[in-house]
């Protein structure tokens, strides 16, 4: 059975805190930013906690080496 490789792109998109929380940015800031208001842009820049259990399990598999901290 082959070894599961760490997904480096996921490491760039998710920040793991000291207590094991997963923080991520909101999506939708790549283009078409003229339409959105300044308040909406500012709120999307902030990091949010990933609370979906299903996503956390999937992230643990993809972050094989770094999953000890999750």
PDB file of N, CA and C in Angstrom:
ATOM      1  N   UNK A   1       0.838  -1.175   0.000  1.00  0.00           N
ATOM      2  CA  UNK A   1       0.000   0.000   0.000  1.00  0.00           C
ATOM      3  C   UNK A   1       0.888   1.245   0.000  1.00  0.00           C
ATOM      4  N   UNK A   2       0.643   2.183  -0.900  1.00  0.00           N
ATOM      5  CA  UNK A   2       1.514   3.358  -0.969  1.00  0.00           C
ATOM      6  C   UNK A   2       1.316   4.298   0.214  1.00  0.00           C
ATOM      7  N   UNK A   3       2.367   5.045   0.474  1.00  0.00           N
ATOM      8  CA  UNK A   3       2.334   6.009   1.574  1.00  0.00           C
ATOM      9  C   UNK A   3       1.492   7.218   1.176  1.00  0.00           C
ATOM     10  N   UNK A   4       0.675   7.710   2.098  1.00  0.00           N
ATOM     11  CA  UNK A   4      -0.139   8.888   1.836  1.00  0.00           C
ATOM     12  C   UNK A   4       0.748  10.120   1.923  1.00  0.00           C
ATOM     13  N   UNK A   5       0.711  10.944   0.873  1.00  0.00           N
ATOM     14  CA  UNK A   5       1.550  12.139   0.837  1.00  0.00           C
ATOM     15  C   UNK A   5       0.791  13.331   1.413  1.00  0.00           C
ATOM     16  N   UNK A   6       1.526  14.226   2.027  1.00  0.00           N
ATOM     17  CA  UNK A   6       0.950  15.444   2.582  1.00  0.00           C
ATOM     18  C   UNK A   6       0.577  16.386   1.453  1.00  0.00           C
ATOM     19  N   UNK A   7      -0.602  16.997   1.543  1.00  0.00           N
ATOM     20  CA  UNK A   7      -1.036  17.965   0.552  1.00  0.00           C
ATOM     21  C   UNK A   7      -0.516  19.341   0.950  1.00  0.00           C
ATOM     22  N   UNK A   8       0.490  19.809   0.235  1.00  0.00           N
ATOM     23  CA  UNK A   8       1.126  21.079   0.573  1.00  0.00           C
ATOM     24  C   UNK A   8       0.196  22.267   0.335  1.00  0.00           C
ATOM     25  N   UNK A   9      -0.706  22.148  -0.638  1.00  0.00           N
ATOM     26  CA  UNK A   9      -1.614  23.258  -0.906  1.00  0.00           C
ATOM     27  C   UNK A   9      -2.585  23.453   0.250  1.00  0.00           C
ATOM     28  N   UNK A  10      -2.964  22.376   0.900  1.00  0.00           N
ATOM     29  CA  UNK A  10      -3.859  22.475   2.048  1.00  0.00           C
ATOM     30  C   UNK A  10      -3.158  23.128   3.235  1.00  0.00           C
ATOM     31  N   UNK A  11      -1.861  22.856   3.378  1.00  0.00           N
ATOM     32  CA  UNK A  11      -1.103  23.500   4.449  1.00  0.00           C
ATOM     33  C   UNK A  11      -1.039  25.009   4.259  1.00  0.00           C
ATOM     34  N   UNK A  12      -1.037  25.459   3.002  1.00  0.00           N
ATOM     35  CA  UNK A  12      -0.983  26.890   2.740  1.00  0.00           C
ATOM     36  C   UNK A  12      -2.321  27.567   3.023  1.00  0.00           C
ATOM     37  N   UNK A  13      -3.414  26.824   2.883  1.00  0.00           N
ATOM     38  CA  UNK A  13      -4.743  27.411   3.025  1.00  0.00           C
ATOM     39  C   UNK A  13      -5.298  27.325   4.436  1.00  0.00           C
ATOM     40  N   UNK A  14      -4.754  26.443   5.255  1.00  0.00           N
ATOM     41  CA  UNK A  14      -5.267  26.239   6.608  1.00  0.00           C
ATOM     42  C   UNK A  14      -4.171  26.527   7.606  1.00  0.00           C
ATOM     43  N   UNK A  15      -4.521  27.257   8.651  1.00  0.00           N
ATOM     44  CA  UNK A  15      -3.581  27.527   9.727  1.00  0.00           C
ATOM     45  C   UNK A  15      -3.996  26.683  10.920  1.00  0.00           C
ATOM     46  N   UNK A  16      -3.064  25.938  11.481  1.00  0.00           N
ATOM     47  CA  UNK A  16      -3.328  25.127  12.660  1.00  0.00           C
ATOM     48  C   UNK A  16      -2.887  25.898  13.888  1.00  0.00           C
ATOM     49  N   UNK A  17      -3.794  26.076  14.848  1.00  0.00           N
ATOM     50  CA  UNK A  17      -3.453  26.818  16.052  1.00  0.00           C
ATOM     51  C   UNK A  17      -2.789  25.900  17.064  1.00  0.00           C
ATOM     52  N   UNK A  18      -2.333  26.477  18.135  1.00  0.00           N
ATOM     53  CA  UNK A  18      -1.644  25.731  19.180  1.00  0.00           C
ATOM     54  C   UNK A  18      -2.569  24.722  19.860  1.00  0.00           C
ATOM     55  N   UNK A  19      -3.843  25.082  19.971  1.00  0.00           N
ATOM     56  CA  UNK A  19      -4.796  24.207  20.651  1.00  0.00           C
ATOM     57  C   UNK A  19      -5.453  23.196  19.726  1.00  0.00           C
ATOM     58  N   UNK A  20      -5.059  23.160  18.459  1.00  0.00           N
ATOM     59  CA  UNK A  20      -5.593  22.177  17.540  1.00  0.00           C
ATOM     60  C   UNK A  20      -6.762  22.648  16.698  1.00  0.00           C
ATOM     61  N   UNK A  21      -7.077  23.935  16.740  1.00  0.00           N
ATOM     62  CA  UNK A  21      -8.163  24.442  15.908  1.00  0.00           C
ATOM     63  C   UNK A  21      -7.653  24.676  14.492  1.00  0.00           C
ATOM     64  N   UNK A  22      -8.557  24.526  13.538  1.00  0.00           N
ATOM     65  CA  UNK A  22      -8.230  24.800  12.150  1.00  0.00           C
ATOM     66  C   UNK A  22      -8.845  26.125  11.758  1.00  0.00           C
ATOM     67  N   UNK A  23      -8.017  27.048  11.273  1.00  0.00           N
ATOM     68  CA  UNK A  23      -8.491  28.352  10.850  1.00  0.00           C
ATOM     69  C   UNK A  23      -8.311  28.452   9.345  1.00  0.00           C
ATOM     70  N   UNK A  24      -9.323  29.025   8.667  1.00  0.00           N
ATOM     71  CA  UNK A  24      -9.244  29.171   7.224  1.00  0.00           C
ATOM     72  C   UNK A  24      -9.894  30.476   6.805  1.00  0.00           C
ATOM     73  N   UNK A  25      -9.533  30.951   5.615  1.00  0.00           N
ATOM     74  CA  UNK A  25     -10.126  32.160   5.064  1.00  0.00           C
ATOM     75  C   UNK A  25     -11.398  31.798   4.311  1.00  0.00           C
ATOM     76  N   UNK A  26     -12.277  32.763   4.167  1.00  0.00           N
ATOM     77  CA  UNK A  26     -13.475  32.554   3.376  1.00  0.00           C
ATOM     78  C   UNK A  26     -13.129  32.590   1.892  1.00  0.00           C
ATOM     79  N   UNK A  27     -13.955  31.947   1.087  1.00  0.00           N
ATOM     80  CA  UNK A  27     -13.693  31.900  -0.338  1.00  0.00           C
ATOM     81  C   UNK A  27     -14.363  33.078  -1.034  1.00  0.00           C
ATOM     82  N   UNK A  28     -14.025  33.275  -2.274  1.00  0.00           N
ATOM     83  CA  UNK A  28     -14.692  34.273  -3.092  1.00  0.00           C
ATOM     84  C   UNK A  28     -14.011  35.623  -3.136  1.00  0.00           C
ATOM     85  N   UNK A  29     -12.706  35.673  -2.969  1.00  0.00           N
ATOM     86  CA  UNK A  29     -11.995  36.948  -3.036  1.00  0.00           C
ATOM     87  C   UNK A  29     -10.996  36.983  -4.196  1.00  0.00           C
ATOM     88  N   UNK A  30     -11.164  36.108  -5.178  1.00  0.00           N
ATOM     89  CA  UNK A  30     -10.205  36.035  -6.274  1.00  0.00           C
ATOM     90  C   UNK A  30     -10.461  37.105  -7.329  1.00  0.00           C
ATOM     91  N   UNK A  31     -11.720  37.283  -7.740  1.00  0.00           N
ATOM     92  CA  UNK A  31     -12.026  38.270  -8.761  1.00  0.00           C
ATOM     93  C   UNK A  31     -13.432  38.805  -8.515  1.00  0.00           C
ATOM     94  N   UNK A  32     -13.854  39.752  -9.346  1.00  0.00           N
ATOM     95  CA  UNK A  32     -15.161  40.415  -9.224  1.00  0.00           C
ATOM     96  C   UNK A  32     -15.325  41.108  -7.869  1.00  0.00           C
ATOM     97  N   UNK A  33     -14.268  41.785  -7.440  1.00  0.00           N
ATOM     98  CA  UNK A  33     -14.300  42.460  -6.142  1.00  0.00           C
ATOM     99  C   UNK A  33     -14.914  43.848  -6.216  1.00  0.00           C
ATOM    100  N   UNK A  34     -15.193  44.331  -7.415  1.00  0.00           N
ATOM    101  CA  UNK A  34     -15.754  45.675  -7.567  1.00  0.00           C
ATOM    102  C   UNK A  34     -17.177  45.714  -7.022  1.00  0.00           C
ATOM    103  N   UNK A  35     -17.894  44.625  -7.191  1.00  0.00           N
ATOM    104  CA  UNK A  35     -19.291  44.571  -6.754  1.00  0.00           C
ATOM    105  C   UNK A  35     -19.440  44.591  -5.237  1.00  0.00           C
ATOM    106  N   UNK A  36     -18.512  43.965  -4.537  1.00  0.00           N
ATOM    107  CA  UNK A  36     -18.667  43.804  -3.097  1.00  0.00           C
ATOM    108  C   UNK A  36     -18.338  45.096  -2.355  1.00  0.00           C
ATOM    109  N   UNK A  37     -18.946  45.251  -1.193  1.00  0.00           N
ATOM    110  CA  UNK A  37     -18.725  46.435  -0.386  1.00  0.00           C
ATOM    111  C   UNK A  37     -17.427  46.310   0.400  1.00  0.00           C
ATOM    112  N   UNK A  38     -16.980  47.404   0.954  1.00  0.00           N
ATOM    113  CA  UNK A  38     -15.739  47.422   1.733  1.00  0.00           C
ATOM    114  C   UNK A  38     -15.897  46.565   2.991  1.00  0.00           C
ATOM    115  N   UNK A  39     -17.059  46.613   3.606  1.00  0.00           N
ATOM    116  CA  UNK A  39     -17.295  45.824   4.814  1.00  0.00           C
ATOM    117  C   UNK A  39     -17.234  44.331   4.512  1.00  0.00           C
ATOM    118  N   UNK A  40     -17.802  43.938   3.389  1.00  0.00           N
ATOM    119  CA  UNK A  40     -17.807  42.526   3.007  1.00  0.00           C
ATOM    120  C   UNK A  40     -16.396  42.039   2.712  1.00  0.00           C
ATOM    121  N   UNK A  41     -15.597  42.867   2.043  1.00  0.00           N
ATOM    122  CA  UNK A  41     -14.214  42.496   1.756  1.00  0.00           C
ATOM    123  C   UNK A  41     -13.417  42.334   3.042  1.00  0.00           C
ATOM    124  N   UNK A  42     -13.617  43.250   3.980  1.00  0.00           N
ATOM    125  CA  UNK A  42     -12.886  43.201   5.247  1.00  0.00           C
ATOM    126  C   UNK A  42     -13.264  41.968   6.053  1.00  0.00           C
ATOM    127  N   UNK A  43     -14.548  41.593   6.028  1.00  0.00           N
ATOM    128  CA  UNK A  43     -14.963  40.426   6.803  1.00  0.00           C
ATOM    129  C   UNK A  43     -14.474  39.133   6.180  1.00  0.00           C
ATOM    130  N   UNK A  44     -14.296  39.110   4.868  1.00  0.00           N
ATOM    131  CA  UNK A  44     -13.799  37.904   4.213  1.00  0.00           C
ATOM    132  C   UNK A  44     -12.302  37.711   4.398  1.00  0.00           C
ATOM    133  N   UNK A  45     -11.571  38.770   4.732  1.00  0.00           N
ATOM    134  CA  UNK A  45     -10.133  38.647   4.937  1.00  0.00           C
ATOM    135  C   UNK A  45      -9.798  37.946   6.251  1.00  0.00           C
ATOM    136  N   UNK A  46     -10.715  37.982   7.190  1.00  0.00           N
ATOM    137  CA  UNK A  46     -10.447  37.408   8.507  1.00  0.00           C
ATOM    138  C   UNK A  46     -10.417  35.883   8.456  1.00  0.00           C
ATOM    139  N   UNK A  47      -9.688  35.302   9.389  1.00  0.00           N
ATOM    140  CA  UNK A  47      -9.652  33.850   9.506  1.00  0.00           C
ATOM    141  C   UNK A  47     -10.862  33.365  10.302  1.00  0.00           C
ATOM    142  N   UNK A  48     -11.444  32.281   9.862  1.00  0.00           N
ATOM    143  CA  UNK A  48     -12.586  31.680  10.551  1.00  0.00           C
ATOM    144  C   UNK A  48     -12.221  30.280  10.991  1.00  0.00           C
ATOM    145  N   UNK A  49     -12.866  29.807  12.044  1.00  0.00           N
ATOM    146  CA  UNK A  49     -12.602  28.467  12.534  1.00  0.00           C
ATOM    147  C   UNK A  49     -13.390  27.450  11.714  1.00  0.00           C
ATOM    148  N   UNK A  50     -12.709  26.376  11.331  1.00  0.00           N
ATOM    149  CA  UNK A  50     -13.355  25.287  10.605  1.00  0.00           C
ATOM    150  C   UNK A  50     -14.032  24.397  11.635  1.00  0.00           C
ATOM    151  N   UNK A  51     -15.364  24.321  11.613  1.00  0.00           N
ATOM    152  CA  UNK A  51     -16.072  23.576  12.648  1.00  0.00           C
ATOM    153  C   UNK A  51     -16.764  22.326  12.127  1.00  0.00           C
ATOM    154  N   UNK A  52     -16.795  22.130  10.807  1.00  0.00           N
ATOM    155  CA  UNK A  52     -17.455  20.965  10.243  1.00  0.00           C
ATOM    156  C   UNK A  52     -16.614  19.720  10.523  1.00  0.00           C
ATOM    157  N   UNK A  53     -17.201  18.737  11.192  1.00  0.00           N
ATOM    158  CA  UNK A  53     -16.467  17.538  11.592  1.00  0.00           C
ATOM    159  C   UNK A  53     -16.056  16.717  10.379  1.00  0.00           C
ATOM    160  N   UNK A  54     -16.916  16.663   9.370  1.00  0.00           N
ATOM    161  CA  UNK A  54     -16.589  15.917   8.159  1.00  0.00           C
ATOM    162  C   UNK A  54     -15.376  16.471   7.447  1.00  0.00           C
ATOM    163  N   UNK A  55     -15.276  17.793   7.392  1.00  0.00           N
ATOM    164  CA  UNK A  55     -14.112  18.407   6.757  1.00  0.00           C
ATOM    165  C   UNK A  55     -12.856  18.174   7.587  1.00  0.00           C
ATOM    166  N   UNK A  56     -12.990  18.203   8.905  1.00  0.00           N
ATOM    167  CA  UNK A  56     -11.814  17.973   9.752  1.00  0.00           C
ATOM    168  C   UNK A  56     -11.251  16.577   9.533  1.00  0.00           C
ATOM    169  N   UNK A  57     -12.121  15.570   9.401  1.00  0.00           N
ATOM    170  CA  UNK A  57     -11.661  14.200   9.165  1.00  0.00           C
ATOM    171  C   UNK A  57     -10.945  14.100   7.825  1.00  0.00           C
ATOM    172  N   UNK A  58     -11.490  14.763   6.810  1.00  0.00           N
ATOM    173  CA  UNK A  58     -10.878  14.743   5.490  1.00  0.00           C
ATOM    174  C   UNK A  58      -9.525  15.451   5.527  1.00  0.00           C
ATOM    175  N   UNK A  59      -9.438  16.568   6.228  1.00  0.00           N
ATOM    176  CA  UNK A  59      -8.180  17.305   6.326  1.00  0.00           C
ATOM    177  C   UNK A  59      -7.128  16.487   7.058  1.00  0.00           C
ATOM    178  N   UNK A  60      -7.530  15.712   8.062  1.00  0.00           N
ATOM    179  CA  UNK A  60      -6.570  14.875   8.780  1.00  0.00           C
ATOM    180  C   UNK A  60      -5.916  13.867   7.848  1.00  0.00           C
ATOM    181  N   UNK A  61      -6.708  13.285   6.942  1.00  0.00           N
ATOM    182  CA  UNK A  61      -6.149  12.320   6.001  1.00  0.00           C
ATOM    183  C   UNK A  61      -5.206  12.997   5.017  1.00  0.00           C
ATOM    184  N   UNK A  62      -5.575  14.181   4.554  1.00  0.00           N
ATOM    185  CA  UNK A  62      -4.749  14.870   3.578  1.00  0.00           C
ATOM    186  C   UNK A  62      -3.480  15.452   4.195  1.00  0.00           C
ATOM    187  N   UNK A  63      -3.537  15.783   5.474  1.00  0.00           N
ATOM    188  CA  UNK A  63      -2.363  16.308   6.183  1.00  0.00           C
ATOM    189  C   UNK A  63      -1.766  15.194   7.028  1.00  0.00           C
ATOM    190  N   UNK A  64      -1.314  14.138   6.394  1.00  0.00           N
ATOM    191  CA  UNK A  64      -0.900  12.922   7.092  1.00  0.00           C
ATOM    192  C   UNK A  64       0.187  13.190   8.144  1.00  0.00           C
ATOM    193  N   UNK A  65       1.232  13.893   7.758  1.00  0.00           N
ATOM    194  CA  UNK A  65       2.353  14.110   8.690  1.00  0.00           C
ATOM    195  C   UNK A  65       2.014  15.130   9.761  1.00  0.00           C
ATOM    196  N   UNK A  66       1.181  16.099   9.424  1.00  0.00           N
ATOM    197  CA  UNK A  66       0.899  17.197  10.337  1.00  0.00           C
ATOM    198  C   UNK A  66      -0.381  16.989  11.132  1.00  0.00           C
ATOM    199  N   UNK A  67      -1.001  15.824  11.026  1.00  0.00           N
ATOM    200  CA  UNK A  67      -2.309  15.620  11.667  1.00  0.00           C
ATOM    201  C   UNK A  67      -2.202  15.420  13.172  1.00  0.00           C
ATOM    202  N   UNK A  68      -1.000  15.296  13.683  1.00  0.00           N
ATOM    203  CA  UNK A  68      -0.851  15.134  15.152  1.00  0.00           C
ATOM    204  C   UNK A  68      -1.342  16.362  15.885  1.00  0.00           C
ATOM    205  N   UNK A  69      -1.255  17.518  15.238  1.00  0.00           N
ATOM    206  CA  UNK A  69      -1.656  18.758  15.904  1.00  0.00           C
ATOM    207  C   UNK A  69      -3.122  19.081  15.719  1.00  0.00           C
ATOM    208  N   UNK A  70      -3.850  18.317  14.913  1.00  0.00           N
ATOM    209  CA  UNK A  70      -5.261  18.620  14.649  1.00  0.00           C
ATOM    210  C   UNK A  70      -6.116  17.931  15.695  1.00  0.00           C
TER     211      UNK A  70
END
